[in-house]
ModelCIF file with pLDDT and N, C-alpha, C, O atoms, coordinates in Angstrom:
data_MODEL
#
_entry.id   MODEL 
#
_entity.id                         1 
_entity.type                       polymer 
_entity.pdbx_number_of_molecules   1 
#
_entity_poly.entity_id                      1 
_entity_poly.type                           'polypeptide(L)' 
_entity_poly.nstd_linkage                   no 
_entity_poly.nstd_monomer                   no 
_entity_poly.pdbx_seq_one_letter_code       
;(UNK)(UNK)(UNK)(UNK)(UNK)(UNK)(UNK)(UNK)(UNK)(UNK)(UNK)(UNK)(UNK)(UNK)(UNK)(UNK)
(UNK)(UNK)(UNK)(UNK)(UNK)(UNK)(UNK)(UNK)(UNK)(UNK)(UNK)(UNK)(UNK)(UNK)(UNK)(UNK)
(UNK)(UNK)(UNK)(UNK)(UNK)(UNK)(UNK)(UNK)(UNK)(UNK)(UNK)(UNK)(UNK)
;
_entity_poly.pdbx_seq_one_letter_code_can   XXXXXXXXXXXXXXXXXXXXXXXXXXXXXXXXXXXXXXXXXXXXX 
_entity_poly.pdbx_strand_id                 A 
#
loop_
_entity_poly_seq.entity_id 
_entity_poly_seq.num 
_entity_poly_seq.mon_id 
_entity_poly_seq.hetero 
1 1  UNK n 
1 2  UNK n 
1 3  UNK n 
1 4  UNK n 
1 5  UNK n 
1 6  UNK n 
1 7  UNK n 
1 8  UNK n 
1 9  UNK n 
1 10 UNK n 
1 11 UNK n 
1 12 UNK n 
1 13 UNK n 
1 14 UNK n 
1 15 UNK n 
1 16 UNK n 
1 17 UNK n 
1 18 UNK n 
1 19 UNK n 
1 20 UNK n 
1 21 UNK n 
1 22 UNK n 
1 23 UNK n 
1 24 UNK n 
1 25 UNK n 
1 26 UNK n 
1 27 UNK n 
1 28 UNK n 
1 29 UNK n 
1 30 UNK n 
1 31 UNK n 
1 32 UNK n 
1 33 UNK n 
1 34 UNK n 
1 35 UNK n 
1 36 UNK n 
1 37 UNK n 
1 38 UNK n 
1 39 UNK n 
1 40 UNK n 
1 41 UNK n 
1 42 UNK n 
1 43 UNK n 
1 44 UNK n 
1 45 UNK n 
#
_struct_asym.id          A 
_struct_asym.entity_id   1 
#
loop_
_ma_qa_metric.id 
_ma_qa_metric.mode 
_ma_qa_metric.name 
_ma_qa_metric.software_group_id 
_ma_qa_metric.type 
1 global pLDDT . pLDDT 
2 local  pLDDT . pLDDT 
#
_ma_qa_metric_global.metric_id      1 
_ma_qa_metric_global.metric_value   89.51 
_ma_qa_metric_global.model_id       1 
_ma_qa_metric_global.ordinal_id     1 
#
loop_
_ma_qa_metric_local.label_asym_id 
_ma_qa_metric_local.label_comp_id 
_ma_qa_metric_local.label_seq_id 
_ma_qa_metric_local.metric_id 
_ma_qa_metric_local.metric_value 
_ma_qa_metric_local.model_id 
_ma_qa_metric_local.ordinal_id 
A UNK 1  2 97.00 1 1  
A UNK 2  2 96.00 1 2  
A UNK 3  2 97.00 1 3  
A UNK 4  2 97.00 1 4  
A UNK 5  2 97.00 1 5  
A UNK 6  2 96.00 1 6  
A UNK 7  2 97.00 1 7  
A UNK 8  2 97.00 1 8  
A UNK 9  2 96.00 1 9  
A UNK 10 2 95.00 1 10 
A UNK 11 2 96.00 1 11 
A UNK 12 2 96.00 1 12 
A UNK 13 2 97.00 1 13 
A UNK 14 2 97.00 1 14 
A UNK 15 2 97.00 1 15 
A UNK 16 2 97.00 1 16 
A UNK 17 2 97.00 1 17 
A UNK 18 2 96.00 1 18 
A UNK 19 2 93.00 1 19 
A UNK 20 2 91.00 1 20 
A UNK 21 2 86.00 1 21 
A UNK 22 2 81.00 1 22 
A UNK 23 2 76.00 1 23 
A UNK 24 2 70.00 1 24 
A UNK 25 2 67.00 1 25 
A UNK 26 2 74.00 1 26 
A UNK 27 2 70.00 1 27 
A UNK 28 2 67.00 1 28 
A UNK 29 2 69.00 1 29 
A UNK 30 2 75.00 1 30 
A UNK 31 2 81.00 1 31 
A UNK 32 2 87.00 1 32 
A UNK 33 2 89.00 1 33 
A UNK 34 2 87.00 1 34 
A UNK 35 2 86.00 1 35 
A UNK 36 2 88.00 1 36 
A UNK 37 2 92.00 1 37 
A UNK 38 2 95.00 1 38 
A UNK 39 2 96.00 1 39 
A UNK 40 2 96.00 1 40 
A UNK 41 2 94.00 1 41 
A UNK 42 2 94.00 1 42 
A UNK 43 2 96.00 1 43 
A UNK 44 2 96.00 1 44 
A UNK 45 2 94.00 1 45 
#
loop_
_atom_site.group_PDB 
_atom_site.id 
_atom_site.type_symbol 
_atom_site.label_atom_id 
_atom_site.label_alt_id 
_atom_site.label_comp_id 
_atom_site.label_asym_id 
_atom_site.label_entity_id 
_atom_site.label_seq_id 
_atom_site.pdbx_PDB_ins_code 
_atom_site.Cartn_x 
_atom_site.Cartn_y 
_atom_site.Cartn_z 
_atom_site.occupancy 
_atom_site.B_iso_or_equiv 
_atom_site.pdbx_formal_charge 
_atom_site.auth_seq_id 
_atom_site.auth_comp_id 
_atom_site.auth_asym_id 
_atom_site.auth_atom_id 
_atom_site.pdbx_PDB_model_num 
ATOM 1   N N  . UNK A 1 1  ? 0.825   -1.206 0.000   1.00 97.00 ? 1  UNK A N  1 
ATOM 2   C CA . UNK A 1 1  ? 0.000   0.000  0.000   1.00 97.00 ? 1  UNK A CA 1 
ATOM 3   C C  . UNK A 1 1  ? 0.862   1.260  0.000   1.00 97.00 ? 1  UNK A C  1 
ATOM 4   O O  . UNK A 1 1  ? 0.572   2.217  -0.717  1.00 97.00 ? 1  UNK A O  1 
ATOM 5   N N  . UNK A 1 2  ? 1.927   1.254  0.811   1.00 96.00 ? 2  UNK A N  1 
ATOM 6   C CA . UNK A 1 2  ? 2.803   2.432  0.870   1.00 96.00 ? 2  UNK A CA 1 
ATOM 7   C C  . UNK A 1 2  ? 3.509   2.679  -0.466  1.00 96.00 ? 2  UNK A C  1 
ATOM 8   O O  . UNK A 1 2  ? 3.736   3.825  -0.854  1.00 96.00 ? 2  UNK A O  1 
ATOM 9   N N  . UNK A 1 3  ? 3.848   1.610  -1.156  1.00 97.00 ? 3  UNK A N  1 
ATOM 10  C CA . UNK A 1 3  ? 4.671   1.740  -2.359  1.00 97.00 ? 3  UNK A CA 1 
ATOM 11  C C  . UNK A 1 3  ? 3.889   2.095  -3.613  1.00 97.00 ? 3  UNK A C  1 
ATOM 12  O O  . UNK A 1 3  ? 4.489   2.450  -4.628  1.00 97.00 ? 3  UNK A O  1 
ATOM 13  N N  . UNK A 1 4  ? 2.553   2.008  -3.569  1.00 97.00 ? 4  UNK A N  1 
ATOM 14  C CA . UNK A 1 4  ? 1.780   2.163  -4.802  1.00 97.00 ? 4  UNK A CA 1 
ATOM 15  C C  . UNK A 1 4  ? 0.971   3.451  -4.884  1.00 97.00 ? 4  UNK A C  1 
ATOM 16  O O  . UNK A 1 4  ? 0.170   3.611  -5.805  1.00 97.00 ? 4  UNK A O  1 
ATOM 17  N N  . UNK A 1 5  ? 1.160   4.367  -3.950  1.00 97.00 ? 5  UNK A N  1 
ATOM 18  C CA . UNK A 1 5  ? 0.338   5.586  -3.932  1.00 97.00 ? 5  UNK A CA 1 
ATOM 19  C C  . UNK A 1 5  ? 0.496   6.386  -5.217  1.00 97.00 ? 5  UNK A C  1 
ATOM 20  O O  . UNK A 1 5  ? -0.496  6.703  -5.872  1.00 97.00 ? 5  UNK A O  1 
ATOM 21  N N  . UNK A 1 6  ? 1.717   6.713  -5.582  1.00 96.00 ? 6  UNK A N  1 
ATOM 22  C CA . UNK A 1 6  ? 1.956   7.558  -6.756  1.00 96.00 ? 6  UNK A CA 1 
ATOM 23  C C  . UNK A 1 6  ? 1.437   6.880  -8.016  1.00 96.00 ? 6  UNK A C  1 
ATOM 24  O O  . UNK A 1 6  ? 0.766   7.504  -8.838  1.00 96.00 ? 6  UNK A O  1 
ATOM 25  N N  . UNK A 1 7  ? 1.750   5.614  -8.159  1.00 97.00 ? 7  UNK A N  1 
ATOM 26  C CA . UNK A 1 7  ? 1.326   4.854  -9.338  1.00 97.00 ? 7  UNK A CA 1 
ATOM 27  C C  . UNK A 1 7  ? -0.198  4.844  -9.478  1.00 97.00 ? 7  UNK A C  1 
ATOM 28  O O  . UNK A 1 7  ? -0.727  5.119  -10.555 1.00 97.00 ? 7  UNK A O  1 
ATOM 29  N N  . UNK A 1 8  ? -0.901  4.524  -8.383  1.00 97.00 ? 8  UNK A N  1 
ATOM 30  C CA . UNK A 1 8  ? -2.351  4.385  -8.464  1.00 97.00 ? 8  UNK A CA 1 
ATOM 31  C C  . UNK A 1 8  ? -3.066  5.726  -8.581  1.00 97.00 ? 8  UNK A C  1 
ATOM 32  O O  . UNK A 1 8  ? -4.079  5.824  -9.272  1.00 97.00 ? 8  UNK A O  1 
ATOM 33  N N  . UNK A 1 9  ? -2.552  6.764  -7.914  1.00 96.00 ? 9  UNK A N  1 
ATOM 34  C CA . UNK A 1 9  ? -3.183  8.086  -8.013  1.00 96.00 ? 9  UNK A CA 1 
ATOM 35  C C  . UNK A 1 9  ? -3.211  8.581  -9.451  1.00 96.00 ? 9  UNK A C  1 
ATOM 36  O O  . UNK A 1 9  ? -4.162  9.249  -9.859  1.00 96.00 ? 9  UNK A O  1 
ATOM 37  N N  . UNK A 1 10 ? -2.183  8.261  -10.218 1.00 95.00 ? 10 UNK A N  1 
ATOM 38  C CA . UNK A 1 10 ? -2.116  8.683  -11.628 1.00 95.00 ? 10 UNK A CA 1 
ATOM 39  C C  . UNK A 1 10 ? -3.236  8.044  -12.452 1.00 95.00 ? 10 UNK A C  1 
ATOM 40  O O  . UNK A 1 10 ? -3.587  8.538  -13.524 1.00 95.00 ? 10 UNK A O  1 
ATOM 41  N N  . UNK A 1 11 ? -3.794  6.939  -11.939 1.00 96.00 ? 11 UNK A N  1 
ATOM 42  C CA . UNK A 1 11 ? -4.873  6.231  -12.637 1.00 96.00 ? 11 UNK A CA 1 
ATOM 43  C C  . UNK A 1 11 ? -6.225  6.483  -11.969 1.00 96.00 ? 11 UNK A C  1 
ATOM 44  O O  . UNK A 1 11 ? -7.193  5.769  -12.231 1.00 96.00 ? 11 UNK A O  1 
ATOM 45  N N  . UNK A 1 12 ? -6.290  7.506  -11.099 1.00 96.00 ? 12 UNK A N  1 
ATOM 46  C CA . UNK A 1 12 ? -7.501  7.828  -10.329 1.00 96.00 ? 12 UNK A CA 1 
ATOM 47  C C  . UNK A 1 12 ? -7.932  6.655  -9.447  1.00 96.00 ? 12 UNK A C  1 
ATOM 48  O O  . UNK A 1 12 ? -9.121  6.409  -9.241  1.00 96.00 ? 12 UNK A O  1 
ATOM 49  N N  . UNK A 1 13 ? -6.940  5.950  -8.941  1.00 97.00 ? 13 UNK A N  1 
ATOM 50  C CA . UNK A 1 13 ? -7.160  4.874  -7.990  1.00 97.00 ? 13 UNK A CA 1 
ATOM 51  C C  . UNK A 1 13 ? -6.385  5.206  -6.710  1.00 97.00 ? 13 UNK A C  1 
ATOM 52  O O  . UNK A 1 13 ? -5.544  6.105  -6.699  1.00 97.00 ? 13 UNK A O  1 
ATOM 53  N N  . UNK A 1 14 ? -6.684  4.463  -5.623  1.00 97.00 ? 14 UNK A N  1 
ATOM 54  C CA . UNK A 1 14 ? -5.986  4.766  -4.369  1.00 97.00 ? 14 UNK A CA 1 
ATOM 55  C C  . UNK A 1 14 ? -5.801  3.483  -3.562  1.00 97.00 ? 14 UNK A C  1 
ATOM 56  O O  . UNK A 1 14 ? -6.732  2.686  -3.440  1.00 97.00 ? 14 UNK A O  1 
ATOM 57  N N  . UNK A 1 15 ? -4.587  3.278  -3.003  1.00 97.00 ? 15 UNK A N  1 
ATOM 58  C CA . UNK A 1 15 ? -4.319  2.046  -2.260  1.00 97.00 ? 15 UNK A CA 1 
ATOM 59  C C  . UNK A 1 15 ? -4.951  2.053  -0.871  1.00 97.00 ? 15 UNK A C  1 
ATOM 60  O O  . UNK A 1 15 ? -4.921  3.056  -0.158  1.00 97.00 ? 15 UNK A O  1 
ATOM 61  N N  . UNK A 1 16 ? -5.524  0.904  -0.507  1.00 97.00 ? 16 UNK A N  1 
ATOM 62  C CA . UNK A 1 16 ? -6.076  0.716  0.832   1.00 97.00 ? 16 UNK A CA 1 
ATOM 63  C C  . UNK A 1 16 ? -5.570  -0.615 1.373   1.00 97.00 ? 16 UNK A C  1 
ATOM 64  O O  . UNK A 1 16 ? -5.328  -1.561 0.623   1.00 97.00 ? 16 UNK A O  1 
ATOM 65  N N  . UNK A 1 17 ? -5.416  -0.665 2.684   1.00 97.00 ? 17 UNK A N  1 
ATOM 66  C CA . UNK A 1 17 ? -5.030  -1.913 3.346   1.00 97.00 ? 17 UNK A CA 1 
ATOM 67  C C  . UNK A 1 17 ? -6.023  -2.182 4.456   1.00 97.00 ? 17 UNK A C  1 
ATOM 68  O O  . UNK A 1 17 ? -6.114  -1.418 5.417   1.00 97.00 ? 17 UNK A O  1 
ATOM 69  N N  . UNK A 1 18 ? -6.767  -3.268 4.324   1.00 96.00 ? 18 UNK A N  1 
ATOM 70  C CA . UNK A 1 18 ? -7.761  -3.646 5.325   1.00 96.00 ? 18 UNK A CA 1 
ATOM 71  C C  . UNK A 1 18 ? -7.290  -4.884 6.078   1.00 96.00 ? 18 UNK A C  1 
ATOM 72  O O  . UNK A 1 18 ? -6.614  -5.744 5.512   1.00 96.00 ? 18 UNK A O  1 
ATOM 73  N N  . UNK A 1 19 ? -7.646  -4.970 7.347   1.00 93.00 ? 19 UNK A N  1 
ATOM 74  C CA . UNK A 1 19 ? -7.153  -6.053 8.191   1.00 93.00 ? 19 UNK A CA 1 
ATOM 75  C C  . UNK A 1 19 ? -8.174  -6.403 9.270   1.00 93.00 ? 19 UNK A C  1 
ATOM 76  O O  . UNK A 1 19 ? -9.091  -5.629 9.544   1.00 93.00 ? 19 UNK A O  1 
ATOM 77  N N  . UNK A 1 20 ? -8.008  -7.562 9.871   1.00 91.00 ? 20 UNK A N  1 
ATOM 78  C CA . UNK A 1 20 ? -8.844  -7.962 10.997  1.00 91.00 ? 20 UNK A CA 1 
ATOM 79  C C  . UNK A 1 20 ? -8.270  -7.378 12.284  1.00 91.00 ? 20 UNK A C  1 
ATOM 80  O O  . UNK A 1 20 ? -7.059  -7.411 12.503  1.00 91.00 ? 20 UNK A O  1 
ATOM 81  N N  . UNK A 1 21 ? -9.139  -6.848 13.127  1.00 86.00 ? 21 UNK A N  1 
ATOM 82  C CA . UNK A 1 21 ? -8.701  -6.203 14.359  1.00 86.00 ? 21 UNK A CA 1 
ATOM 83  C C  . UNK A 1 21 ? -8.198  -7.233 15.359  1.00 86.00 ? 21 UNK A C  1 
ATOM 84  O O  . UNK A 1 21 ? -8.856  -8.244 15.605  1.00 86.00 ? 21 UNK A O  1 
ATOM 85  N N  . UNK A 1 22 ? -7.018  -6.968 15.938  1.00 81.00 ? 22 UNK A N  1 
ATOM 86  C CA . UNK A 1 22 ? -6.466  -7.860 16.955  1.00 81.00 ? 22 UNK A CA 1 
ATOM 87  C C  . UNK A 1 22 ? -5.747  -7.092 18.054  1.00 81.00 ? 22 UNK A C  1 
ATOM 88  O O  . UNK A 1 22 ? -4.862  -7.630 18.719  1.00 81.00 ? 22 UNK A O  1 
ATOM 89  N N  . UNK A 1 23 ? -6.131  -5.822 18.244  1.00 76.00 ? 23 UNK A N  1 
ATOM 90  C CA . UNK A 1 23 ? -5.430  -4.984 19.215  1.00 76.00 ? 23 UNK A CA 1 
ATOM 91  C C  . UNK A 1 23 ? -6.182  -4.915 20.544  1.00 76.00 ? 23 UNK A C  1 
ATOM 92  O O  . UNK A 1 23 ? -7.388  -5.153 20.611  1.00 76.00 ? 23 UNK A O  1 
ATOM 93  N N  . UNK A 1 24 ? -5.447  -4.587 21.579  1.00 70.00 ? 24 UNK A N  1 
ATOM 94  C CA . UNK A 1 24 ? -5.978  -4.522 22.940  1.00 70.00 ? 24 UNK A CA 1 
ATOM 95  C C  . UNK A 1 24 ? -7.126  -3.519 23.046  1.00 70.00 ? 24 UNK A C  1 
ATOM 96  O O  . UNK A 1 24 ? -7.047  -2.405 22.527  1.00 70.00 ? 24 UNK A O  1 
ATOM 97  N N  . UNK A 1 25 ? -8.197  -3.937 23.732  1.00 67.00 ? 25 UNK A N  1 
ATOM 98  C CA . UNK A 1 25 ? -9.263  -3.015 24.094  1.00 67.00 ? 25 UNK A CA 1 
ATOM 99  C C  . UNK A 1 25 ? -10.326 -2.771 23.049  1.00 67.00 ? 25 UNK A C  1 
ATOM 100 O O  . UNK A 1 25 ? -11.220 -1.956 23.277  1.00 67.00 ? 25 UNK A O  1 
ATOM 101 N N  . UNK A 1 26 ? -10.270 -3.450 21.898  1.00 74.00 ? 26 UNK A N  1 
ATOM 102 C CA . UNK A 1 26 ? -11.281 -3.236 20.868  1.00 74.00 ? 26 UNK A CA 1 
ATOM 103 C C  . UNK A 1 26 ? -12.519 -4.070 21.172  1.00 74.00 ? 26 UNK A C  1 
ATOM 104 O O  . UNK A 1 26 ? -12.436 -5.290 21.319  1.00 74.00 ? 26 UNK A O  1 
ATOM 105 N N  . UNK A 1 27 ? -13.654 -3.411 21.263  1.00 70.00 ? 27 UNK A N  1 
ATOM 106 C CA . UNK A 1 27 ? -14.912 -4.089 21.564  1.00 70.00 ? 27 UNK A CA 1 
ATOM 107 C C  . UNK A 1 27 ? -15.521 -4.629 20.275  1.00 70.00 ? 27 UNK A C  1 
ATOM 108 O O  . UNK A 1 27 ? -15.479 -3.973 19.234  1.00 70.00 ? 27 UNK A O  1 
ATOM 109 N N  . UNK A 1 28 ? -16.082 -5.822 20.356  1.00 67.00 ? 28 UNK A N  1 
ATOM 110 C CA . UNK A 1 28 ? -16.612 -6.475 19.163  1.00 67.00 ? 28 UNK A CA 1 
ATOM 111 C C  . UNK A 1 28 ? -17.923 -5.870 18.693  1.00 67.00 ? 28 UNK A C  1 
ATOM 112 O O  . UNK A 1 28 ? -18.295 -6.016 17.529  1.00 67.00 ? 28 UNK A O  1 
ATOM 113 N N  . UNK A 1 29 ? -18.632 -5.186 19.600  1.00 69.00 ? 29 UNK A N  1 
ATOM 114 C CA . UNK A 1 29 ? -19.951 -4.660 19.245  1.00 69.00 ? 29 UNK A CA 1 
ATOM 115 C C  . UNK A 1 29 ? -20.212 -3.374 20.016  1.00 69.00 ? 29 UNK A C  1 
ATOM 116 O O  . UNK A 1 29 ? -19.501 -3.039 20.963  1.00 69.00 ? 29 UNK A O  1 
ATOM 117 N N  . UNK A 1 30 ? -21.247 -2.664 19.589  1.00 75.00 ? 30 UNK A N  1 
ATOM 118 C CA . UNK A 1 30 ? -21.575 -1.361 20.162  1.00 75.00 ? 30 UNK A CA 1 
ATOM 119 C C  . UNK A 1 30 ? -22.745 -1.495 21.130  1.00 75.00 ? 30 UNK A C  1 
ATOM 120 O O  . UNK A 1 30 ? -23.726 -2.171 20.823  1.00 75.00 ? 30 UNK A O  1 
ATOM 121 N N  . UNK A 1 31 ? -22.651 -0.859 22.296  1.00 81.00 ? 31 UNK A N  1 
ATOM 122 C CA . UNK A 1 31 ? -23.779 -0.816 23.228  1.00 81.00 ? 31 UNK A CA 1 
ATOM 123 C C  . UNK A 1 31 ? -23.678 0.454  24.066  1.00 81.00 ? 31 UNK A C  1 
ATOM 124 O O  . UNK A 1 31 ? -22.588 0.947  24.358  1.00 81.00 ? 31 UNK A O  1 
ATOM 125 N N  . UNK A 1 32 ? -24.846 0.968  24.444  1.00 87.00 ? 32 UNK A N  1 
ATOM 126 C CA . UNK A 1 32 ? -24.880 2.214  25.193  1.00 87.00 ? 32 UNK A CA 1 
ATOM 127 C C  . UNK A 1 32 ? -25.387 2.030  26.621  1.00 87.00 ? 32 UNK A C  1 
ATOM 128 O O  . UNK A 1 32 ? -25.281 2.944  27.439  1.00 87.00 ? 32 UNK A O  1 
ATOM 129 N N  . UNK A 1 33 ? -25.925 0.883  26.918  1.00 89.00 ? 33 UNK A N  1 
ATOM 130 C CA . UNK A 1 33 ? -26.450 0.635  28.257  1.00 89.00 ? 33 UNK A CA 1 
ATOM 131 C C  . UNK A 1 33 ? -26.327 -0.850 28.568  1.00 89.00 ? 33 UNK A C  1 
ATOM 132 O O  . UNK A 1 33 ? -26.137 -1.676 27.675  1.00 89.00 ? 33 UNK A O  1 
ATOM 133 N N  . UNK A 1 34 ? -26.439 -1.171 29.849  1.00 87.00 ? 34 UNK A N  1 
ATOM 134 C CA . UNK A 1 34 ? -26.340 -2.563 30.291  1.00 87.00 ? 34 UNK A CA 1 
ATOM 135 C C  . UNK A 1 34 ? -27.730 -3.092 30.649  1.00 87.00 ? 34 UNK A C  1 
ATOM 136 O O  . UNK A 1 34 ? -28.695 -2.331 30.727  1.00 87.00 ? 34 UNK A O  1 
ATOM 137 N N  . UNK A 1 35 ? -27.815 -4.383 30.861  1.00 86.00 ? 35 UNK A N  1 
ATOM 138 C CA . UNK A 1 35 ? -29.107 -5.013 31.129  1.00 86.00 ? 35 UNK A CA 1 
ATOM 139 C C  . UNK A 1 35 ? -29.735 -4.549 32.440  1.00 86.00 ? 35 UNK A C  1 
ATOM 140 O O  . UNK A 1 35 ? -30.955 -4.603 32.594  1.00 86.00 ? 35 UNK A O  1 
ATOM 141 N N  . UNK A 1 36 ? -28.915 -4.095 33.385  1.00 88.00 ? 36 UNK A N  1 
ATOM 142 C CA . UNK A 1 36 ? -29.458 -3.715 34.697  1.00 88.00 ? 36 UNK A CA 1 
ATOM 143 C C  . UNK A 1 36 ? -29.682 -2.213 34.841  1.00 88.00 ? 36 UNK A C  1 
ATOM 144 O O  . UNK A 1 36 ? -29.929 -1.734 35.947  1.00 88.00 ? 36 UNK A O  1 
ATOM 145 N N  . UNK A 1 37 ? -29.601 -1.462 33.741  1.00 92.00 ? 37 UNK A N  1 
ATOM 146 C CA . UNK A 1 37 ? -29.860 -0.023 33.796  1.00 92.00 ? 37 UNK A CA 1 
ATOM 147 C C  . UNK A 1 37 ? -31.303 0.271  33.380  1.00 92.00 ? 37 UNK A C  1 
ATOM 148 O O  . UNK A 1 37 ? -31.850 -0.381 32.491  1.00 92.00 ? 37 UNK A O  1 
ATOM 149 N N  . UNK A 1 38 ? -31.901 1.251  34.032  1.00 95.00 ? 38 UNK A N  1 
ATOM 150 C CA . UNK A 1 38 ? -33.291 1.622  33.783  1.00 95.00 ? 38 UNK A CA 1 
ATOM 151 C C  . UNK A 1 38 ? -33.370 2.619  32.632  1.00 95.00 ? 38 UNK A C  1 
ATOM 152 O O  . UNK A 1 38 ? -32.688 3.644  32.642  1.00 95.00 ? 38 UNK A O  1 
ATOM 153 N N  . UNK A 1 39 ? -34.206 2.315  31.640  1.00 96.00 ? 39 UNK A N  1 
ATOM 154 C CA . UNK A 1 39 ? -34.271 3.131  30.429  1.00 96.00 ? 39 UNK A CA 1 
ATOM 155 C C  . UNK A 1 39 ? -35.618 3.831  30.297  1.00 96.00 ? 39 UNK A C  1 
ATOM 156 O O  . UNK A 1 39 ? -36.657 3.310  30.704  1.00 96.00 ? 39 UNK A O  1 
ATOM 157 N N  . UNK A 1 40 ? -35.569 5.038  29.710  1.00 96.00 ? 40 UNK A N  1 
ATOM 158 C CA . UNK A 1 40 ? -36.765 5.753  29.259  1.00 96.00 ? 40 UNK A CA 1 
ATOM 159 C C  . UNK A 1 40 ? -36.585 5.978  27.762  1.00 96.00 ? 40 UNK A C  1 
ATOM 160 O O  . UNK A 1 40 ? -35.673 6.687  27.337  1.00 96.00 ? 40 UNK A O  1 
ATOM 161 N N  . UNK A 1 41 ? -37.461 5.370  26.969  1.00 94.00 ? 41 UNK A N  1 
ATOM 162 C CA . UNK A 1 41 ? -37.281 5.395  25.516  1.00 94.00 ? 41 UNK A CA 1 
ATOM 163 C C  . UNK A 1 41 ? -38.367 6.183  24.783  1.00 94.00 ? 41 UNK A C  1 
ATOM 164 O O  . UNK A 1 41 ? -38.356 6.240  23.553  1.00 94.00 ? 41 UNK A O  1 
ATOM 165 N N  . UNK A 1 42 ? -39.303 6.791  25.513  1.00 94.00 ? 42 UNK A N  1 
ATOM 166 C CA . UNK A 1 42 ? -40.435 7.436  24.838  1.00 94.00 ? 42 UNK A CA 1 
ATOM 167 C C  . UNK A 1 42 ? -40.504 8.951  25.047  1.00 94.00 ? 42 UNK A C  1 
ATOM 168 O O  . UNK A 1 42 ? -41.481 9.584  24.648  1.00 94.00 ? 42 UNK A O  1 
ATOM 169 N N  . UNK A 1 43 ? -39.484 9.533  25.663  1.00 96.00 ? 43 UNK A N  1 
ATOM 170 C CA . UNK A 1 43 ? -39.531 10.978 25.903  1.00 96.00 ? 43 UNK A CA 1 
ATOM 171 C C  . UNK A 1 43 ? -39.098 11.764 24.670  1.00 96.00 ? 43 UNK A C  1 
ATOM 172 O O  . UNK A 1 43 ? -39.600 12.860 24.424  1.00 96.00 ? 43 UNK A O  1 
ATOM 173 N N  . UNK A 1 44 ? -38.165 11.207 23.892  1.00 96.00 ? 44 UNK A N  1 
ATOM 174 C CA . UNK A 1 44 ? -37.654 11.868 22.700  1.00 96.00 ? 44 UNK A CA 1 
ATOM 175 C C  . UNK A 1 44 ? -37.780 10.937 21.498  1.00 96.00 ? 44 UNK A C  1 
ATOM 176 O O  . UNK A 1 44 ? -37.882 9.719  21.645  1.00 96.00 ? 44 UNK A O  1 
ATOM 177 N N  . UNK A 1 45 ? -37.770 11.528 20.319  1.00 94.00 ? 45 UNK A N  1 
ATOM 178 C CA . UNK A 1 45 ? -37.871 10.755 19.086  1.00 94.00 ? 45 UNK A CA 1 
ATOM 179 C C  . UNK A 1 45 ? -36.642 9.875  18.867  1.00 94.00 ? 45 UNK A C  1 
ATOM 180 O O  . UNK A 1 45 ? -36.566 9.157  17.870  1.00 94.00 ? 45 UNK A O  1 
#
């Protein structure tokens, strides 16, 4: 990816490098509350 930037940009292309996450502290999913927290879901849209 580092070596092909100039070459690919000239062709209106761009290098990307995608990978599987394996670093410390990355959560697998998104959540905003826990099962034991009390929620109000009807006050706002």
